[in-house]
Amino acid sequence: MSGARQWSHWRAFAAPRAGGVEPAPERNRKRTWGHFLKRHWETLYACDFFSVEVLGVLGTVRCMVFFVMCIKTRAVQIAGSASLRTAIG
């Protein structure tokens, strides 16, 4: 590749040191998922979709629902939904 730099794993590791930036002391320590969860417990959220099929006057309609759950309290909030018209077959 002309004019493009090729970055290797080693170069990405060595570049900050070449610029005088030493690695942070905490990066050498091993952190567990348990430690991460305890530290961020107040702000962890999960989100996902689920679908619901509803029988209406015009036939079956599939609704996609987007929800968010606070991990700490397990409170669920419906963030949005959209309906998709499906054929009856």
PDB file of N, CA and C in Angstrom:
ATOM      1  N   MET A   1       0.847  -1.173   0.000  1.00  0.00           N
ATOM      2  CA  MET A   1       0.000   0.000   0.000  1.00  0.00           C
ATOM      3  C   MET A   1       0.890   1.234   0.000  1.00  0.00           C
ATOM      4  N   SER A   2       0.776   2.026  -1.000  1.00  0.00           N
ATOM      5  CA  SER A   2       1.637   3.205  -1.090  1.00  0.00           C
ATOM      6  C   SER A   2       1.077   4.329  -0.231  1.00  0.00           C
ATOM      7  N   GLY A   3       1.927   4.923   0.557  1.00  0.00           N
ATOM      8  CA  GLY A   3       1.545   6.053   1.370  1.00  0.00           C
ATOM      9  C   GLY A   3       0.796   5.701   2.652  1.00  0.00           C
ATOM     10  N   ALA A   4       0.407   4.492   2.818  1.00  0.00           N
ATOM     11  CA  ALA A   4      -0.333   4.100   4.024  1.00  0.00           C
ATOM     12  C   ALA A   4       0.621   3.439   5.006  1.00  0.00           C
ATOM     13  N   ARG A   5       0.507   3.814   6.256  1.00  0.00           N
ATOM     14  CA  ARG A   5       1.329   3.175   7.280  1.00  0.00           C
ATOM     15  C   ARG A   5       0.712   1.852   7.668  1.00  0.00           C
ATOM     16  N   GLN A   6       1.542   0.884   7.841  1.00  0.00           N
ATOM     17  CA  GLN A   6       1.052  -0.404   8.300  1.00  0.00           C
ATOM     18  C   GLN A   6       1.340  -0.506   9.790  1.00  0.00           C
ATOM     19  N   TRP A   7       0.285  -0.658  10.581  1.00  0.00           N
ATOM     20  CA  TRP A   7       0.415  -0.724  12.029  1.00  0.00           C
ATOM     21  C   TRP A   7       0.376  -2.166  12.473  1.00  0.00           C
ATOM     22  N   SER A   8       1.357  -2.529  13.210  1.00  0.00           N
ATOM     23  CA  SER A   8       1.375  -3.861  13.793  1.00  0.00           C
ATOM     24  C   SER A   8       0.978  -3.749  15.260  1.00  0.00           C
ATOM     25  N   HIS A   9       0.742  -4.870  15.885  1.00  0.00           N
ATOM     26  CA  HIS A   9       0.392  -4.899  17.302  1.00  0.00           C
ATOM     27  C   HIS A   9       1.525  -4.282  18.123  1.00  0.00           C
ATOM     28  N   TRP A  10       2.747  -4.579  17.767  1.00  0.00           N
ATOM     29  CA  TRP A  10       3.905  -4.051  18.498  1.00  0.00           C
ATOM     30  C   TRP A  10       4.010  -2.536  18.346  1.00  0.00           C
ATOM     31  N   ARG A  11       3.755  -2.033  17.151  1.00  0.00           N
ATOM     32  CA  ARG A  11       3.867  -0.600  16.923  1.00  0.00           C
ATOM     33  C   ARG A  11       2.810   0.157  17.740  1.00  0.00           C
ATOM     34  N   ALA A  12       1.608  -0.388  17.824  1.00  0.00           N
ATOM     35  CA  ALA A  12       0.554   0.238  18.621  1.00  0.00           C
ATOM     36  C   ALA A  12       0.940   0.252  20.098  1.00  0.00           C
ATOM     37  N   PHE A  13       1.657  -0.753  20.549  1.00  0.00           N
ATOM     38  CA  PHE A  13       2.122  -0.811  21.935  1.00  0.00           C
ATOM     39  C   PHE A  13       3.263   0.172  22.173  1.00  0.00           C
ATOM     40  N   ALA A  14       4.171   0.275  21.210  1.00  0.00           N
ATOM     41  CA  ALA A  14       5.382   1.076  21.388  1.00  0.00           C
ATOM     42  C   ALA A  14       5.174   2.570  21.108  1.00  0.00           C
ATOM     43  N   ALA A  15       4.156   2.934  20.332  1.00  0.00           N
ATOM     44  CA  ALA A  15       3.959   4.335  19.943  1.00  0.00           C
ATOM     45  C   ALA A  15       3.785   5.273  21.131  1.00  0.00           C
ATOM     46  N   PRO A  16       2.953   4.961  22.128  1.00  0.00           N
ATOM     47  CA  PRO A  16       2.830   5.892  23.269  1.00  0.00           C
ATOM     48  C   PRO A  16       4.141   6.074  24.023  1.00  0.00           C
ATOM     49  N   ARG A  17       4.894   5.003  24.188  1.00  0.00           N
ATOM     50  CA  ARG A  17       6.182   5.114  24.884  1.00  0.00           C
ATOM     51  C   ARG A  17       7.157   5.976  24.100  1.00  0.00           C
ATOM     52  N   ALA A  18       7.129   5.873  22.786  1.00  0.00           N
ATOM     53  CA  ALA A  18       8.014   6.688  21.959  1.00  0.00           C
ATOM     54  C   ALA A  18       7.677   8.171  22.122  1.00  0.00           C
ATOM     55  N   GLY A  19       6.402   8.467  22.413  1.00  0.00           N
ATOM     56  CA  GLY A  19       5.995   9.848  22.629  1.00  0.00           C
ATOM     57  C   GLY A  19       6.147  10.296  24.065  1.00  0.00           C
ATOM     58  N   GLY A  20       6.733   9.445  24.920  1.00  0.00           N
ATOM     59  CA  GLY A  20       6.960   9.806  26.307  1.00  0.00           C
ATOM     60  C   GLY A  20       5.814   9.480  27.242  1.00  0.00           C
ATOM     61  N   VAL A  21       4.817   8.721  26.793  1.00  0.00           N
ATOM     62  CA  VAL A  21       3.678   8.359  27.628  1.00  0.00           C
ATOM     63  C   VAL A  21       3.925   6.963  28.191  1.00  0.00           C
ATOM     64  N   GLU A  22       4.023   6.877  29.489  1.00  0.00           N
ATOM     65  CA  GLU A  22       4.212   5.582  30.151  1.00  0.00           C
ATOM     66  C   GLU A  22       2.854   4.936  30.414  1.00  0.00           C
ATOM     67  N   PRO A  23       2.811   3.620  30.498  1.00  0.00           N
ATOM     68  CA  PRO A  23       1.536   2.958  30.783  1.00  0.00           C
ATOM     69  C   PRO A  23       1.027   3.323  32.178  1.00  0.00           C
ATOM     70  N   ALA A  24      -0.282   3.398  32.309  1.00  0.00           N
ATOM     71  CA  ALA A  24      -0.886   3.704  33.605  1.00  0.00           C
ATOM     72  C   ALA A  24      -0.636   2.543  34.557  1.00  0.00           C
ATOM     73  N   PRO A  25      -0.357   2.810  35.835  1.00  0.00           N
ATOM     74  CA  PRO A  25      -0.067   1.736  36.779  1.00  0.00           C
ATOM     75  C   PRO A  25      -1.228   0.755  36.953  1.00  0.00           C
ATOM     76  N   GLU A  26      -2.463   1.227  36.831  1.00  0.00           N
ATOM     77  CA  GLU A  26      -3.598   0.336  37.034  1.00  0.00           C
ATOM     78  C   GLU A  26      -3.799  -0.644  35.886  1.00  0.00           C
ATOM     79  N   ARG A  27      -3.239  -0.371  34.740  1.00  0.00           N
ATOM     80  CA  ARG A  27      -3.417  -1.285  33.610  1.00  0.00           C
ATOM     81  C   ARG A  27      -2.728  -2.620  33.839  1.00  0.00           C
ATOM     82  N   ASN A  28      -1.732  -2.641  34.680  1.00  0.00           N
ATOM     83  CA  ASN A  28      -1.026  -3.889  34.953  1.00  0.00           C
ATOM     84  C   ASN A  28      -1.783  -4.790  35.919  1.00  0.00           C
ATOM     85  N   ARG A  29      -2.729  -4.234  36.654  1.00  0.00           N
ATOM     86  CA  ARG A  29      -3.500  -5.022  37.606  1.00  0.00           C
ATOM     87  C   ARG A  29      -4.616  -5.770  36.890  1.00  0.00           C
ATOM     88  N   LYS A  30      -4.935  -6.939  37.399  1.00  0.00           N
ATOM     89  CA  LYS A  30      -6.034  -7.720  36.836  1.00  0.00           C
ATOM     90  C   LYS A  30      -7.332  -7.302  37.514  1.00  0.00           C
ATOM     91  N   ARG A  31      -8.328  -6.990  36.730  1.00  0.00           N
ATOM     92  CA  ARG A  31      -9.647  -6.638  37.248  1.00  0.00           C
ATOM     93  C   ARG A  31     -10.618  -7.766  36.897  1.00  0.00           C
ATOM     94  N   THR A  32     -11.494  -8.071  37.812  1.00  0.00           N
ATOM     95  CA  THR A  32     -12.485  -9.122  37.569  1.00  0.00           C
ATOM     96  C   THR A  32     -13.811  -8.483  37.175  1.00  0.00           C
ATOM     97  N   TRP A  33     -14.714  -9.308  36.628  1.00  0.00           N
ATOM     98  CA  TRP A  33     -16.050  -8.824  36.299  1.00  0.00           C
ATOM     99  C   TRP A  33     -16.770  -8.403  37.570  1.00  0.00           C
ATOM    100  N   GLY A  34     -16.537  -9.109  38.667  1.00  0.00           N
ATOM    101  CA  GLY A  34     -17.156  -8.748  39.935  1.00  0.00           C
ATOM    102  C   GLY A  34     -16.766  -7.347  40.371  1.00  0.00           C
ATOM    103  N   HIS A  35     -15.497  -7.016  40.230  1.00  0.00           N
ATOM    104  CA  HIS A  35     -15.014  -5.674  40.575  1.00  0.00           C
ATOM    105  C   HIS A  35     -15.660  -4.635  39.664  1.00  0.00           C
ATOM    106  N   PHE A  36     -15.712  -4.929  38.365  1.00  0.00           N
ATOM    107  CA  PHE A  36     -16.329  -4.003  37.412  1.00  0.00           C
ATOM    108  C   PHE A  36     -17.795  -3.750  37.762  1.00  0.00           C
ATOM    109  N   LEU A  37     -18.538  -4.824  38.053  1.00  0.00           N
ATOM    110  CA  LEU A  37     -19.958  -4.682  38.374  1.00  0.00           C
ATOM    111  C   LEU A  37     -20.178  -3.878  39.646  1.00  0.00           C
ATOM    112  N   LYS A  38     -19.374  -4.127  40.666  1.00  0.00           N
ATOM    113  CA  LYS A  38     -19.514  -3.371  41.910  1.00  0.00           C
ATOM    114  C   LYS A  38     -19.224  -1.892  41.694  1.00  0.00           C
ATOM    115  N   ARG A  39     -18.226  -1.601  40.886  1.00  0.00           N
ATOM    116  CA  ARG A  39     -17.822  -0.213  40.662  1.00  0.00           C
ATOM    117  C   ARG A  39     -18.853   0.572  39.846  1.00  0.00           C
ATOM    118  N   HIS A  40     -19.517  -0.100  38.904  1.00  0.00           N
ATOM    119  CA  HIS A  40     -20.442   0.575  37.993  1.00  0.00           C
ATOM    120  C   HIS A  40     -21.907   0.220  38.239  1.00  0.00           C
ATOM    121  N   TRP A  41     -22.205  -0.391  39.368  1.00  0.00           N
ATOM    122  CA  TRP A  41     -23.545  -0.900  39.660  1.00  0.00           C
ATOM    123  C   TRP A  41     -24.624   0.167  39.539  1.00  0.00           C
ATOM    124  N   GLU A  42     -24.316   1.392  39.923  1.00  0.00           N
ATOM    125  CA  GLU A  42     -25.309   2.468  39.918  1.00  0.00           C
ATOM    126  C   GLU A  42     -25.728   2.880  38.506  1.00  0.00           C
ATOM    127  N   THR A  43     -24.894   2.615  37.515  1.00  0.00           N
ATOM    128  CA  THR A  43     -25.155   3.132  36.170  1.00  0.00           C
ATOM    129  C   THR A  43     -25.269   2.052  35.101  1.00  0.00           C
ATOM    130  N   LEU A  44     -25.436   0.795  35.476  1.00  0.00           N
ATOM    131  CA  LEU A  44     -25.538  -0.275  34.481  1.00  0.00           C
ATOM    132  C   LEU A  44     -26.978  -0.444  34.004  1.00  0.00           C
ATOM    133  N   TYR A  45     -27.130  -0.505  32.696  1.00  0.00           N
ATOM    134  CA  TYR A  45     -28.437  -0.718  32.087  1.00  0.00           C
ATOM    135  C   TYR A  45     -28.310  -1.795  31.012  1.00  0.00           C
ATOM    136  N   ALA A  46     -29.405  -2.500  30.787  1.00  0.00           N
ATOM    137  CA  ALA A  46     -29.469  -3.485  29.708  1.00  0.00           C
ATOM    138  C   ALA A  46     -30.607  -3.074  28.783  1.00  0.00           C
ATOM    139  N   CYS A  47     -30.488  -3.392  27.523  1.00  0.00           N
ATOM    140  CA  CYS A  47     -31.574  -3.075  26.592  1.00  0.00           C
ATOM    141  C   CYS A  47     -31.732  -4.213  25.591  1.00  0.00           C
ATOM    142  N   ASP A  48     -32.943  -4.337  25.061  1.00  0.00           N
ATOM    143  CA  ASP A  48     -33.226  -5.407  24.115  1.00  0.00           C
ATOM    144  C   ASP A  48     -34.551  -5.101  23.413  1.00  0.00           C
ATOM    145  N   PHE A  49     -34.900  -5.956  22.441  1.00  0.00           N
ATOM    146  CA  PHE A  49     -36.168  -5.889  21.735  1.00  0.00           C
ATOM    147  C   PHE A  49     -36.967  -7.148  22.028  1.00  0.00           C
ATOM    148  N   PHE A  50     -38.273  -7.049  21.946  1.00  0.00           N
ATOM    149  CA  PHE A  50     -39.120  -8.227  21.873  1.00  0.00           C
ATOM    150  C   PHE A  50     -40.275  -7.897  20.944  1.00  0.00           C
ATOM    151  N   SER A  51     -40.921  -8.930  20.424  1.00  0.00           N
ATOM    152  CA  SER A  51     -42.033  -8.699  19.503  1.00  0.00           C
ATOM    153  C   SER A  51     -43.318  -9.263  20.090  1.00  0.00           C
ATOM    154  N   VAL A  52     -44.414  -8.605  19.733  1.00  0.00           N
ATOM    155  CA  VAL A  52     -45.743  -9.016  20.163  1.00  0.00           C
ATOM    156  C   VAL A  52     -46.627  -9.016  18.927  1.00  0.00           C
ATOM    157  N   GLU A  53     -47.375 -10.096  18.724  1.00  0.00           N
ATOM    158  CA  GLU A  53     -48.328 -10.130  17.617  1.00  0.00           C
ATOM    159  C   GLU A  53     -49.711  -9.825  18.152  1.00  0.00           C
ATOM    160  N   VAL A  54     -50.346  -8.836  17.534  1.00  0.00           N
ATOM    161  CA  VAL A  54     -51.643  -8.353  17.984  1.00  0.00           C
ATOM    162  C   VAL A  54     -52.652  -8.573  16.873  1.00  0.00           C
ATOM    163  N   LEU A  55     -53.816  -9.112  17.234  1.00  0.00           N
ATOM    164  CA  LEU A  55     -54.890  -9.319  16.265  1.00  0.00           C
ATOM    165  C   LEU A  55     -55.791  -8.098  16.301  1.00  0.00           C
ATOM    166  N   GLY A  56     -55.790  -7.367  15.206  1.00  0.00           N
ATOM    167  CA  GLY A  56     -56.591  -6.154  15.111  1.00  0.00           C
ATOM    168  C   GLY A  56     -57.682  -6.313  14.065  1.00  0.00           C
ATOM    169  N   VAL A  57     -58.385  -5.225  13.769  1.00  0.00           N
ATOM    170  CA  VAL A  57     -59.472  -5.227  12.795  1.00  0.00           C
ATOM    171  C   VAL A  57     -58.972  -5.579  11.400  1.00  0.00           C
ATOM    172  N   LEU A  58     -57.777  -5.134  11.062  1.00  0.00           N
ATOM    173  CA  LEU A  58     -57.218  -5.368   9.733  1.00  0.00           C
ATOM    174  C   LEU A  58     -56.356  -6.618   9.658  1.00  0.00           C
ATOM    175  N   GLY A  59     -56.314  -7.418  10.705  1.00  0.00           N
ATOM    176  CA  GLY A  59     -55.514  -8.640  10.704  1.00  0.00           C
ATOM    177  C   GLY A  59     -54.412  -8.590  11.744  1.00  0.00           C
ATOM    178  N   THR A  60     -53.443  -9.483  11.553  1.00  0.00           N
ATOM    179  CA  THR A  60     -52.350  -9.594  12.506  1.00  0.00           C
ATOM    180  C   THR A  60     -51.312  -8.504  12.265  1.00  0.00           C
ATOM    181  N   VAL A  61     -50.883  -7.871  13.352  1.00  0.00           N
ATOM    182  CA  VAL A  61     -49.851  -6.838  13.291  1.00  0.00           C
ATOM    183  C   VAL A  61     -48.763  -7.226  14.283  1.00  0.00           C
ATOM    184  N   ARG A  62     -47.519  -7.211  13.828  1.00  0.00           N
ATOM    185  CA  ARG A  62     -46.394  -7.489  14.721  1.00  0.00           C
ATOM    186  C   ARG A  62     -45.830  -6.165  15.213  1.00  0.00           C
ATOM    187  N   CYS A  63     -45.732  -6.045  16.518  1.00  0.00           N
ATOM    188  CA  CYS A  63     -45.167  -4.842  17.141  1.00  0.00           C
ATOM    189  C   CYS A  63     -43.803  -5.189  17.710  1.00  0.00           C
ATOM    190  N   MET A  64     -42.806  -4.394  17.380  1.00  0.00           N
ATOM    191  CA  MET A  64     -41.477  -4.532  17.954  1.00  0.00           C
ATOM    192  C   MET A  64     -41.363  -3.516  19.080  1.00  0.00           C
ATOM    193  N   VAL A  65     -40.948  -3.989  20.256  1.00  0.00           N
ATOM    194  CA  VAL A  65     -40.867  -3.134  21.437  1.00  0.00           C
ATOM    195  C   VAL A  65     -39.410  -3.089  21.905  1.00  0.00           C
ATOM    196  N   PHE A  66     -38.923  -1.883  22.132  1.00  0.00           N
ATOM    197  CA  PHE A  66     -37.570  -1.664  22.642  1.00  0.00           C
ATOM    198  C   PHE A  66     -37.687  -1.286  24.111  1.00  0.00           C
ATOM    199  N   PHE A  67     -36.947  -1.999  24.977  1.00  0.00           N
ATOM    200  CA  PHE A  67     -37.027  -1.700  26.402  1.00  0.00           C
ATOM    201  C   PHE A  67     -35.635  -1.582  27.008  1.00  0.00           C
ATOM    202  N   VAL A  68     -35.575  -0.864  28.126  1.00  0.00           N
ATOM    203  CA  VAL A  68     -34.336  -0.642  28.871  1.00  0.00           C
ATOM    204  C   VAL A  68     -34.590  -1.050  30.315  1.00  0.00           C
ATOM    205  N   MET A  69     -33.622  -1.768  30.910  1.00  0.00           N
ATOM    206  CA  MET A  69     -33.765  -2.205  32.288  1.00  0.00           C
ATOM    207  C   MET A  69     -32.587  -1.718  33.116  1.00  0.00           C
ATOM    208  N   CYS A  70     -32.879  -1.100  34.257  1.00  0.00           N
ATOM    209  CA  CYS A  70     -31.847  -0.721  35.211  1.00  0.00           C
ATOM    210  C   CYS A  70     -31.437  -1.984  35.967  1.00  0.00           C
ATOM    211  N   ILE A  71     -30.167  -2.340  35.905  1.00  0.00           N
ATOM    212  CA  ILE A  71     -29.709  -3.587  36.520  1.00  0.00           C
ATOM    213  C   ILE A  71     -29.861  -3.551  38.039  1.00  0.00           C
ATOM    214  N   LYS A  72     -29.573  -2.411  38.663  1.00  0.00           N
ATOM    215  CA  LYS A  72     -29.622  -2.326  40.119  1.00  0.00           C
ATOM    216  C   LYS A  72     -31.029  -2.539  40.662  1.00  0.00           C
ATOM    217  N   THR A  73     -32.019  -1.841  40.084  1.00  0.00           N
ATOM    218  CA  THR A  73     -33.382  -1.906  40.606  1.00  0.00           C
ATOM    219  C   THR A  73     -34.267  -2.884  39.848  1.00  0.00           C
ATOM    220  N   ARG A  74     -33.809  -3.347  38.696  1.00  0.00           N
ATOM    221  CA  ARG A  74     -34.565  -4.215  37.794  1.00  0.00           C
ATOM    222  C   ARG A  74     -35.848  -3.555  37.293  1.00  0.00           C
ATOM    223  N   ALA A  75     -35.854  -2.239  37.301  1.00  0.00           N
ATOM    224  CA  ALA A  75     -36.988  -1.488  36.762  1.00  0.00           C
ATOM    225  C   ALA A  75     -36.894  -1.482  35.240  1.00  0.00           C
ATOM    226  N   VAL A  76     -38.011  -1.730  34.583  1.00  0.00           N
ATOM    227  CA  VAL A  76     -38.054  -1.797  33.125  1.00  0.00           C
ATOM    228  C   VAL A  76     -38.831  -0.608  32.591  1.00  0.00           C
ATOM    229  N   GLN A  77     -38.271   0.040  31.588  1.00  0.00           N
ATOM    230  CA  GLN A  77     -38.931   1.155  30.917  1.00  0.00           C
ATOM    231  C   GLN A  77     -39.079   0.802  29.446  1.00  0.00           C
ATOM    232  N   ILE A  78     -40.276   0.995  28.902  1.00  0.00           N
ATOM    233  CA  ILE A  78     -40.481   0.824  27.469  1.00  0.00           C
ATOM    234  C   ILE A  78     -39.980   2.099  26.795  1.00  0.00           C
ATOM    235  N   ALA A  79     -38.991   1.953  25.954  1.00  0.00           N
ATOM    236  CA  ALA A  79     -38.360   3.112  25.329  1.00  0.00           C
ATOM    237  C   ALA A  79     -39.003   3.461  23.995  1.00  0.00           C
ATOM    238  N   GLY A  80     -39.645   2.501  23.353  1.00  0.00           N
ATOM    239  CA  GLY A  80     -40.282   2.774  22.083  1.00  0.00           C
ATOM    240  C   GLY A  80     -40.860   1.531  21.468  1.00  0.00           C
ATOM    241  N   SER A  81     -41.717   1.711  20.484  1.00  0.00           N
ATOM    242  CA  SER A  81     -42.297   0.567  19.768  1.00  0.00           C
ATOM    243  C   SER A  81     -42.654   0.990  18.358  1.00  0.00           C
ATOM    244  N   ALA A  82     -42.742  -0.005  17.496  1.00  0.00           N
ATOM    245  CA  ALA A  82     -43.134   0.228  16.113  1.00  0.00           C
ATOM    246  C   ALA A  82     -43.905  -0.985  15.644  1.00  0.00           C
ATOM    247  N   SER A  83     -44.930  -0.764  14.851  1.00  0.00           N
ATOM    248  CA  SER A  83     -45.724  -1.881  14.342  1.00  0.00           C
ATOM    249  C   SER A  83     -45.331  -2.187  12.905  1.00  0.00           C
ATOM    250  N   LEU A  84     -45.344  -3.452  12.589  1.00  0.00           N
ATOM    251  CA  LEU A  84     -45.028  -3.933  11.257  1.00  0.00           C
ATOM    252  C   LEU A  84     -46.212  -4.751  10.769  1.00  0.00           C
ATOM    253  N   ARG A  85     -46.809  -4.345   9.696  1.00  0.00           N
ATOM    254  CA  ARG A  85     -47.968  -5.058   9.143  1.00  0.00           C
ATOM    255  C   ARG A  85     -47.480  -6.380   8.554  1.00  0.00           C
ATOM    256  N   THR A  86     -48.107  -7.488   8.941  1.00  0.00           N
ATOM    257  CA  THR A  86     -47.732  -8.799   8.394  1.00  0.00           C
ATOM    258  C   THR A  86     -48.907  -9.412   7.672  1.00  0.00           C
ATOM    259  N   ALA A  87     -48.601 -10.263   6.720  1.00  0.00           N
ATOM    260  CA  ALA A  87     -49.655 -10.929   5.955  1.00  0.00           C
ATOM    261  C   ALA A  87     -50.205 -12.109   6.757  1.00  0.00           C
ATOM    262  N   ILE A  88     -51.474 -12.326   6.652  1.00  0.00           N
ATOM    263  CA  ILE A  88     -52.112 -13.479   7.295  1.00  0.00           C
ATOM    264  C   ILE A  88     -52.008 -14.635   6.328  1.00  0.00           C
ATOM    265  N   GLY A  89     -51.413 -15.703   6.786  1.00  0.00           N
ATOM    266  CA  GLY A  89     -51.217 -16.772   5.829  1.00  0.00           C
ATOM    267  C   GLY A  89     -51.337 -18.070   6.473  1.00  0.00           C
TER     268      GLY A  89
END
